[in-house]
Amino acid sequence: MKRKIFNPYRDLKGYNCFGCSPNNMDGLRLEFVEDGEYLKAEWQPEDKFQGYINILHGGIQATLLDEIASWCIQIKLKTTGVTSSMEIKYKKPVYSNKGKIKLVAKIINQRRNLVDIHTELFSSIGELCAEGKITYFTFPKKIAEKNFYFPDFEKFFEE
C-alpha cells in the first residue's frame, strides 16, 4: 500500500530543514511516500547542487540519503532520532541535468535504540548510483515529542 506522507512540521515557527522543509527555497524540499516496508522519494536535481558541471555533488547525495533515512525512522518506528554514522558508497555519477532521481530506504536492523537503514539513490534511468548504511540513535517517543516536536503520528497522513 502506498501512502503520501504529509510534512507535519511545515507550519512550525523556525522550521527550515535543509532536507525537507517546503519553505526553504535553498534546500532540497524532499517529499516522501510510504510503500510497504520502504520509504521512497523522487527528486529533481537543480544546477545549484552541482559539484562538477552537470554532476550532483557527493555531499548532496549523502544528504538526500540521510534525509530519507530520518523520515524512515519517523514513519516506521513512530519516533525520531539523530544520525549516529553514515557509510556511503558512490557507484556512478548522478547527473543533475537528466531528470528526476529516486531514493529508497528500509530499516534493516535494530539493536535497542540504534537502528540501521539501508538507503539507495537511483538515476532517472534506474541505475544504482549510491547506497548507504545509515545508523540512527533513536529516542523514546516522549523525548521525541518534547525535544523534537514529534507530532501525533496521524498528522503525517493528513493533508
C-alpha atoms as a PDB file:
ATOM      1  CA  MET A   1       0.000   0.000   0.000  1.00  0.00           C
ATOM      2  CA  LYS A   2       1.366   3.403  -0.995  1.00  0.00           C
ATOM      3  CA  ARG A   3       0.703   6.476   1.131  1.00  0.00           C
ATOM      4  CA  LYS A   4       1.874  10.018   0.506  1.00  0.00           C
ATOM      5  CA  ILE A   5       3.457  11.489   3.613  1.00  0.00           C
ATOM      6  CA  PHE A   6       2.496  14.989   4.660  1.00  0.00           C
ATOM      7  CA  ASN A   7       5.171  17.093   6.347  1.00  0.00           C
ATOM      8  CA  PRO A   8       3.582  17.968   9.720  1.00  0.00           C
ATOM      9  CA  TYR A   9       6.426  20.339  10.635  1.00  0.00           C
ATOM     10  CA  ARG A  10       5.860  22.730   7.736  1.00  0.00           C
ATOM     11  CA  ASP A  11       3.967  25.352   9.740  1.00  0.00           C
ATOM     12  CA  LEU A  12       6.146  25.325  12.868  1.00  0.00           C
ATOM     13  CA  LYS A  13       7.780  28.670  13.566  1.00  0.00           C
ATOM     14  CA  GLY A  14      11.529  28.447  12.853  1.00  0.00           C
ATOM     15  CA  TYR A  15      11.298  25.187  10.891  1.00  0.00           C
ATOM     16  CA  ASN A  16      13.740  25.470   7.987  1.00  0.00           C
ATOM     17  CA  CYS A  17      15.184  21.978   7.468  1.00  0.00           C
ATOM     18  CA  PHE A  18      17.599  21.911   4.524  1.00  0.00           C
ATOM     19  CA  GLY A  19      16.416  18.438   3.530  1.00  0.00           C
ATOM     20  CA  CYS A  20      12.649  18.568   3.789  1.00  0.00           C
ATOM     21  CA  SER A  21      11.216  21.996   4.557  1.00  0.00           C
ATOM     22  CA  PRO A  22       8.943  23.006   1.678  1.00  0.00           C
ATOM     23  CA  ASN A  23       9.579  26.621   2.690  1.00  0.00           C
ATOM     24  CA  ASN A  24      13.392  26.539   2.405  1.00  0.00           C
ATOM     25  CA  MET A  25      13.986  27.754  -1.136  1.00  0.00           C
ATOM     26  CA  ASP A  26      17.722  26.981  -0.816  1.00  0.00           C
ATOM     27  CA  GLY A  27      17.033  23.441   0.392  1.00  0.00           C
ATOM     28  CA  LEU A  28      16.147  20.095  -1.150  1.00  0.00           C
ATOM     29  CA  ARG A  29      12.395  20.219  -0.296  1.00  0.00           C
ATOM     30  CA  LEU A  30      12.062  16.429  -0.304  1.00  0.00           C
ATOM     31  CA  GLU A  31       8.663  14.743  -0.161  1.00  0.00           C
ATOM     32  CA  PHE A  32       8.127  11.089   0.718  1.00  0.00           C
ATOM     33  CA  VAL A  33       5.859   8.134   0.067  1.00  0.00           C
ATOM     34  CA  GLU A  34       5.465   5.055   2.239  1.00  0.00           C
ATOM     35  CA  ASP A  35       5.376   1.929   0.076  1.00  0.00           C
ATOM     36  CA  GLY A  36       5.115  -1.241   2.155  1.00  0.00           C
ATOM     37  CA  GLU A  37       8.321  -1.640   4.167  1.00  0.00           C
ATOM     38  CA  TYR A  38      10.048   1.106   2.156  1.00  0.00           C
ATOM     39  CA  LEU A  39      10.128   4.858   2.181  1.00  0.00           C
ATOM     40  CA  LYS A  40      10.575   6.379  -1.270  1.00  0.00           C
ATOM     41  CA  ALA A  41      11.111   9.768  -2.833  1.00  0.00           C
ATOM     42  CA  GLU A  42      11.677  11.300  -6.239  1.00  0.00           C
ATOM     43  CA  TRP A  43      13.692  14.466  -6.543  1.00  0.00           C
ATOM     44  CA  GLN A  44      14.634  16.762  -9.406  1.00  0.00           C
ATOM     45  CA  PRO A  45      18.250  17.982  -9.073  1.00  0.00           C
ATOM     46  CA  GLU A  46      18.954  21.647  -9.692  1.00  0.00           C
ATOM     47  CA  ASP A  47      22.145  23.183 -11.065  1.00  0.00           C
ATOM     48  CA  LYS A  48      22.854  24.878  -7.728  1.00  0.00           C
ATOM     49  CA  PHE A  49      23.589  21.436  -6.232  1.00  0.00           C
ATOM     50  CA  GLN A  50      26.368  20.538  -8.701  1.00  0.00           C
ATOM     51  CA  GLY A  51      29.909  19.526  -7.913  1.00  0.00           C
ATOM     52  CA  TYR A  52      31.385  19.154 -11.376  1.00  0.00           C
ATOM     53  CA  ILE A  53      29.355  20.541 -14.279  1.00  0.00           C
ATOM     54  CA  ASN A  54      26.069  18.615 -14.522  1.00  0.00           C
ATOM     55  CA  ILE A  55      27.121  16.196 -11.738  1.00  0.00           C
ATOM     56  CA  LEU A  56      25.285  16.183  -8.405  1.00  0.00           C
ATOM     57  CA  HIS A  57      27.652  16.982  -5.531  1.00  0.00           C
ATOM     58  CA  GLY A  58      28.518  13.959  -3.373  1.00  0.00           C
ATOM     59  CA  GLY A  59      27.649  15.828  -0.197  1.00  0.00           C
ATOM     60  CA  ILE A  60      24.166  16.492  -1.549  1.00  0.00           C
ATOM     61  CA  GLN A  61      23.816  12.794  -2.389  1.00  0.00           C
ATOM     62  CA  ALA A  62      24.763  11.924   1.204  1.00  0.00           C
ATOM     63  CA  THR A  63      22.269  14.493   2.492  1.00  0.00           C
ATOM     64  CA  LEU A  64      19.489  13.014   0.352  1.00  0.00           C
ATOM     65  CA  LEU A  65      20.217   9.541   1.737  1.00  0.00           C
ATOM     66  CA  ASP A  66      20.440  10.799   5.310  1.00  0.00           C
ATOM     67  CA  GLU A  67      17.152  12.670   4.971  1.00  0.00           C
ATOM     68  CA  ILE A  68      15.184   9.697   3.673  1.00  0.00           C
ATOM     69  CA  ALA A  69      16.688   7.584   6.490  1.00  0.00           C
ATOM     70  CA  SER A  70      15.439  10.129   9.035  1.00  0.00           C
ATOM     71  CA  TRP A  71      11.935  10.001   7.634  1.00  0.00           C
ATOM     72  CA  CYS A  72      12.101   6.206   7.561  1.00  0.00           C
ATOM     73  CA  ILE A  73      12.663   6.298  11.341  1.00  0.00           C
ATOM     74  CA  GLN A  74       9.782   8.712  11.842  1.00  0.00           C
ATOM     75  CA  ILE A  75       7.298   6.715   9.773  1.00  0.00           C
ATOM     76  CA  LYS A  76       8.336   3.141  10.515  1.00  0.00           C
ATOM     77  CA  LEU A  77       9.229   3.485  14.203  1.00  0.00           C
ATOM     78  CA  LYS A  78       6.907   6.405  15.044  1.00  0.00           C
ATOM     79  CA  THR A  79       9.652   8.367  16.761  1.00  0.00           C
ATOM     80  CA  THR A  80      12.677  10.411  15.799  1.00  0.00           C
ATOM     81  CA  GLY A  81      16.413  10.201  16.146  1.00  0.00           C
ATOM     82  CA  VAL A  82      19.743  11.621  15.082  1.00  0.00           C
ATOM     83  CA  THR A  83      22.372  10.321  12.695  1.00  0.00           C
ATOM     84  CA  SER A  84      24.971   8.257  14.520  1.00  0.00           C
ATOM     85  CA  SER A  85      27.006   7.153  11.493  1.00  0.00           C
ATOM     86  CA  MET A  86      26.862   7.052   7.711  1.00  0.00           C
ATOM     87  CA  GLU A  87      28.685   4.848   5.242  1.00  0.00           C
ATOM     88  CA  ILE A  88      28.024   5.947   1.668  1.00  0.00           C
ATOM     89  CA  LYS A  89      29.246   4.087  -1.398  1.00  0.00           C
ATOM     90  CA  TYR A  90      29.275   6.140  -4.580  1.00  0.00           C
ATOM     91  CA  LYS A  91      28.950   3.832  -7.574  1.00  0.00           C
ATOM     92  CA  LYS A  92      28.189   6.061 -10.582  1.00  0.00           C
ATOM     93  CA  PRO A  93      27.907   9.781 -11.288  1.00  0.00           C
ATOM     94  CA  VAL A  94      24.500  11.305 -10.669  1.00  0.00           C
ATOM     95  CA  TYR A  95      23.637  13.762 -13.422  1.00  0.00           C
ATOM     96  CA  SER A  96      21.876  16.938 -12.409  1.00  0.00           C
ATOM     97  CA  ASN A  97      20.512  17.522 -15.912  1.00  0.00           C
ATOM     98  CA  LYS A  98      18.968  14.164 -16.825  1.00  0.00           C
ATOM     99  CA  GLY A  99      15.705  14.054 -14.896  1.00  0.00           C
ATOM    100  CA  LYS A 100      14.444  13.002 -11.518  1.00  0.00           C
ATOM    101  CA  ILE A 101      16.374  10.684  -9.268  1.00  0.00           C
ATOM    102  CA  LYS A 102      14.801   8.110  -6.963  1.00  0.00           C
ATOM    103  CA  LEU A 103      15.556   7.404  -3.323  1.00  0.00           C
ATOM    104  CA  VAL A 104      14.652   4.301  -1.322  1.00  0.00           C
ATOM    105  CA  ALA A 105      15.110   3.474   2.367  1.00  0.00           C
ATOM    106  CA  LYS A 106      14.391   0.438   4.519  1.00  0.00           C
ATOM    107  CA  ILE A 107      15.174  -0.468   8.121  1.00  0.00           C
ATOM    108  CA  ILE A 108      17.486  -3.483   8.147  1.00  0.00           C
ATOM    109  CA  ASN A 109      18.487  -3.877  11.792  1.00  0.00           C
ATOM    110  CA  GLN A 110      17.594  -2.598  15.233  1.00  0.00           C
ATOM    111  CA  ARG A 111      19.519  -3.040  18.488  1.00  0.00           C
ATOM    112  CA  ARG A 112      17.899  -1.195  21.334  1.00  0.00           C
ATOM    113  CA  ASN A 113      17.912   2.445  20.279  1.00  0.00           C
ATOM    114  CA  LEU A 114      20.375   2.046  17.357  1.00  0.00           C
ATOM    115  CA  VAL A 115      18.703   1.465  14.007  1.00  0.00           C
ATOM    116  CA  ASP A 116      20.402   0.683  10.675  1.00  0.00           C
ATOM    117  CA  ILE A 117      18.742   1.903   7.495  1.00  0.00           C
ATOM    118  CA  HIS A 118      19.767   0.783   4.011  1.00  0.00           C
ATOM    119  CA  THR A 119      19.381   3.629   1.500  1.00  0.00           C
ATOM    120  CA  GLU A 120      19.711   3.749  -2.271  1.00  0.00           C
ATOM    121  CA  LEU A 121      19.890   6.515  -4.856  1.00  0.00           C
ATOM    122  CA  PHE A 122      18.926   5.676  -8.448  1.00  0.00           C
ATOM    123  CA  SER A 123      19.411   7.723 -11.615  1.00  0.00           C
ATOM    124  CA  SER A 124      16.485   8.763 -13.784  1.00  0.00           C
ATOM    125  CA  ILE A 125      17.044   5.604 -15.859  1.00  0.00           C
ATOM    126  CA  GLY A 126      17.109   3.316 -12.828  1.00  0.00           C
ATOM    127  CA  GLU A 127      20.870   2.825 -12.350  1.00  0.00           C
ATOM    128  CA  LEU A 128      22.040   2.421  -8.751  1.00  0.00           C
ATOM    129  CA  CYS A 129      24.368   5.384  -8.262  1.00  0.00           C
ATOM    130  CA  ALA A 130      24.876   5.474  -4.485  1.00  0.00           C
ATOM    131  CA  GLU A 131      23.890   3.440  -1.469  1.00  0.00           C
ATOM    132  CA  GLY A 132      24.325   3.886   2.219  1.00  0.00           C
ATOM    133  CA  LYS A 133      24.103   2.227   5.571  1.00  0.00           C
ATOM    134  CA  ILE A 134      22.980   4.915   7.962  1.00  0.00           C
ATOM    135  CA  THR A 135      22.728   4.286  11.682  1.00  0.00           C
ATOM    136  CA  TYR A 136      20.359   6.375  13.762  1.00  0.00           C
ATOM    137  CA  PHE A 137      20.254   6.840  17.501  1.00  0.00           C
ATOM    138  CA  THR A 138      16.521   6.872  18.223  1.00  0.00           C
ATOM    139  CA  PHE A 139      14.662   8.467  21.106  1.00  0.00           C
ATOM    140  CA  PRO A 140      11.728   7.253  23.157  1.00  0.00           C
ATOM    141  CA  LYS A 141       8.531   8.799  21.825  1.00  0.00           C
ATOM    142  CA  LYS A 142       8.098  11.115  24.860  1.00  0.00           C
ATOM    143  CA  ILE A 143      11.549  12.640  24.269  1.00  0.00           C
ATOM    144  CA  ALA A 144      10.843  12.928  20.531  1.00  0.00           C
ATOM    145  CA  GLU A 145       7.642  14.813  21.306  1.00  0.00           C
ATOM    146  CA  LYS A 146       9.178  17.072  23.951  1.00  0.00           C
ATOM    147  CA  ASN A 147      12.543  17.905  22.360  1.00  0.00           C
ATOM    148  CA  PHE A 148      11.981  17.401  18.618  1.00  0.00           C
ATOM    149  CA  TYR A 149       8.340  18.468  18.105  1.00  0.00           C
ATOM    150  CA  PHE A 150       7.372  14.950  17.012  1.00  0.00           C
ATOM    151  CA  PRO A 151       3.632  15.187  16.266  1.00  0.00           C
ATOM    152  CA  ASP A 152       0.758  12.779  16.668  1.00  0.00           C
ATOM    153  CA  PHE A 153       1.513  10.071  14.086  1.00  0.00           C
ATOM    154  CA  GLU A 154      -1.712  10.613  12.127  1.00  0.00           C
ATOM    155  CA  LYS A 155      -0.521  14.149  11.247  1.00  0.00           C
ATOM    156  CA  PHE A 156       1.920  12.548   8.772  1.00  0.00           C
ATOM    157  CA  PHE A 157      -1.013  11.437   6.650  1.00  0.00           C
ATOM    158  CA  GLU A 158      -3.353  14.440   6.825  1.00  0.00           C
ATOM    159  CA  GLU A 159      -3.132  16.993   4.073  1.00  0.00           C
END
